[in-house]
Protein backbone atom coordinates (compact mmCIF):
# COMPACT_ATOMS: atom_id res chain seq x y z
CA UNK A 1 -48.74 143.21 157.86
CA UNK A 2 -50.69 141.46 155.59
CA UNK A 3 -49.02 142.56 152.56
CA UNK A 4 -45.01 142.47 154.34
CA UNK A 5 -46.33 138.46 155.07
CA UNK A 6 -47.83 138.26 151.29
CA UNK A 7 -44.04 140.52 150.11
CA UNK A 8 -41.72 138.08 152.09
CA UNK A 9 -43.89 134.99 151.07
CA UNK A 10 -43.04 135.88 147.33
CA UNK A 11 -39.72 137.07 147.54
CA UNK A 12 -39.23 133.23 149.29
CA UNK A 13 -40.96 131.93 145.99
CA UNK A 14 -38.80 133.79 143.79
CA UNK A 15 -35.41 132.83 145.45
CA UNK A 16 -36.11 129.39 145.58
CA UNK A 17 -37.42 129.08 141.94
CA UNK A 18 -34.81 131.40 140.54
CA UNK A 19 -32.22 128.68 140.52
CA UNK A 20 -34.65 125.86 139.26
CA UNK A 21 -35.61 127.56 136.07
CA UNK A 22 -31.99 127.86 135.13
CA UNK A 23 -32.36 123.54 134.99
CA UNK A 24 -34.19 123.13 132.14
CA UNK A 25 -32.17 125.06 129.96
CA UNK A 26 -29.94 122.60 127.93
CA UNK A 27 -26.12 123.83 126.62
CA UNK A 28 -26.22 123.59 122.51
CA UNK A 29 -22.34 124.06 122.24
CA UNK A 30 -21.05 122.11 119.78
CA UNK A 31 -20.82 121.46 116.23
CA UNK A 32 -24.12 120.51 114.81
CA UNK A 33 -24.16 118.61 111.06
CA UNK A 34 -27.38 118.67 109.22
CA UNK A 35 -29.23 115.16 108.73
CA UNK A 36 -31.58 114.48 105.95
CA UNK A 37 -32.45 111.32 106.56
CA UNK A 38 -34.13 112.48 109.58
CA UNK A 39 -35.45 115.93 108.58
CA UNK A 40 -38.84 117.11 107.07
CA UNK A 41 -38.82 119.76 104.58
CA UNK A 42 -42.06 121.24 103.10
CA UNK A 43 -41.20 124.43 102.66
CA UNK A 44 -37.36 125.21 102.08
CA UNK A 45 -34.52 122.97 100.74
CA UNK A 46 -31.33 122.27 102.11
CA UNK A 47 -29.05 119.18 100.96
CA UNK A 48 -25.97 119.68 103.81
CA UNK A 49 -25.16 122.15 106.63
CA UNK A 50 -23.29 122.63 109.47
CA UNK A 51 -23.92 124.76 112.92
CA UNK A 52 -21.30 125.19 114.88
CA UNK A 53 -23.42 126.68 118.14
CA UNK A 54 -21.66 128.09 121.34
CA UNK A 55 -23.57 129.42 124.68
CA UNK A 56 -23.23 130.71 127.66
CA UNK A 57 -25.53 131.51 130.38
CA UNK A 58 -26.47 134.64 128.69
CA UNK A 59 -25.50 134.29 125.07
CA UNK A 60 -25.58 132.70 122.33
CA UNK A 61 -23.08 132.57 118.88
CA UNK A 62 -24.09 130.49 115.64
CA UNK A 63 -22.07 130.28 112.53
CA UNK A 64 -23.71 128.42 109.60
CA UNK A 65 -22.23 127.02 106.67
CA UNK A 66 -24.68 125.06 104.30
CA UNK A 67 -23.63 122.91 101.32
CA UNK A 68 -19.61 123.16 101.70
CA UNK A 69 -20.12 126.56 100.81
CA UNK A 70 -18.36 128.11 103.89
CA UNK A 71 -19.71 130.82 106.44
CA UNK A 72 -23.33 131.87 104.99
CA UNK A 73 -24.26 133.78 108.52
CA UNK A 74 -22.47 133.75 111.71
CA UNK A 75 -24.42 135.83 114.64
CA UNK A 76 -24.14 136.82 118.99
CA UNK A 77 -26.79 137.80 120.46
CA UNK A 78 -28.56 137.42 123.84
CA UNK A 79 -31.12 134.40 125.39
CA UNK A 80 -33.23 137.32 126.80
CA UNK A 81 -35.35 138.43 123.89
CA UNK A 82 -33.75 141.31 123.16
CA UNK A 83 -33.08 141.83 119.86
CA UNK A 84 -29.58 141.51 117.61
CA UNK A 85 -28.77 142.40 114.01
CA UNK A 86 -27.83 139.80 111.84
CA UNK A 87 -26.62 139.12 108.61
CA UNK A 88 -27.71 142.76 106.65
CA UNK A 89 -28.12 146.14 108.75
CA UNK A 90 -32.17 144.43 107.60
CA UNK A 91 -32.04 141.84 109.20
CA UNK A 92 -32.57 140.96 113.44
CA UNK A 93 -33.07 137.74 115.14
CA UNK A 94 -33.92 137.32 119.26
CA UNK A 95 -33.38 134.90 121.03
CA UNK A 96 -35.05 133.33 124.49
CA UNK A 97 -36.02 129.73 126.28
CA UNK A 98 -39.68 128.41 126.64
CA UNK A 99 -38.32 125.82 129.53
CA UNK A 100 -36.07 123.48 127.15
CA UNK A 101 -36.10 124.44 124.14
CA UNK A 102 -34.47 128.06 123.03
CA UNK A 103 -36.84 130.12 120.65
CA UNK A 104 -35.40 132.68 117.75
CA UNK A 105 -37.60 134.93 116.11
CA UNK A 106 -35.48 136.13 112.99
CA UNK A 107 -37.30 139.13 110.75
CA UNK A 108 -35.64 139.46 107.24
CA UNK A 109 -37.56 141.92 105.70
CA UNK A 110 -41.36 141.55 105.28
CA UNK A 111 -39.99 137.79 106.32
CA UNK A 112 -40.47 136.27 110.10
CA UNK A 113 -39.44 132.86 111.15
CA UNK A 114 -39.54 131.23 114.13
CA UNK A 115 -36.92 128.45 114.62
CA UNK A 116 -37.39 126.31 117.80
CA UNK A 117 -34.71 124.51 118.91
CA UNK A 118 -34.64 121.73 121.21
CA UNK A 119 -32.31 119.65 122.39
CA UNK A 120 -32.28 115.26 122.90
CA UNK A 121 -32.14 113.29 126.43
CA UNK A 122 -28.98 112.37 125.49
CA UNK A 123 -27.58 115.78 123.84
CA UNK A 124 -26.82 114.40 120.42
CA UNK A 125 -29.65 115.44 118.70
CA UNK A 126 -30.87 119.35 117.83
CA UNK A 127 -34.04 119.57 116.48
CA UNK A 128 -35.05 122.52 114.87
CA UNK A 129 -38.59 123.13 113.85
CA UNK A 130 -38.94 126.55 111.45
CA UNK A 131 -42.40 128.30 110.73
CA UNK A 132 -42.64 130.65 108.94
CA UNK A 133 -45.14 133.30 110.57
CA UNK A 134 -44.87 136.24 107.41
CA UNK A 135 -45.60 135.26 104.85
CA UNK A 136 -47.11 132.75 107.29
CA UNK A 137 -47.10 128.81 106.35
CA UNK A 138 -49.25 126.43 107.29
CA UNK A 139 -46.29 123.91 107.20
CA UNK A 140 -43.27 123.67 109.72
CA UNK A 141 -40.21 122.40 108.05
CA UNK A 142 -38.09 120.27 111.10
CA UNK A 143 -34.19 119.98 110.91
CA UNK A 144 -32.54 117.26 112.31
CA UNK A 145 -28.79 117.42 113.33
CA UNK A 146 -26.28 115.38 114.95
CA UNK A 147 -23.82 116.31 117.33
CA UNK A 148 -20.31 115.76 116.18
CA UNK A 149 -17.87 114.11 118.80
């Protein structure tokens, strides 16, 4: 009887908590323009970039172009942590939410990079903290994007 009560309590908690878990997930959909004046670049160089993000409940699609050179990257992945292929056959990424932050782990051969994307309270600024995991870096780059209307 005690196990049944514990199971019931856990089930009720899960039913109540699941709807709340999705509330802190921002929708990153939109066209985002890189703002070099607000960004902090230590290990990378980037003059101009535009990200077009489309997101739904379980997946994200990002089309990226840099320096007006057309599409550099176009990827579509789930946001449940499962690995997906990007760019070439050897590159993979996985996306998941950590509270209000979308985390991407990107693996390109011997390079592993973590991206942590956070939307501002007003929804107009996307901040992306980029950290090289392999090879390990002591400094993170912070990319700031402004949303186009």
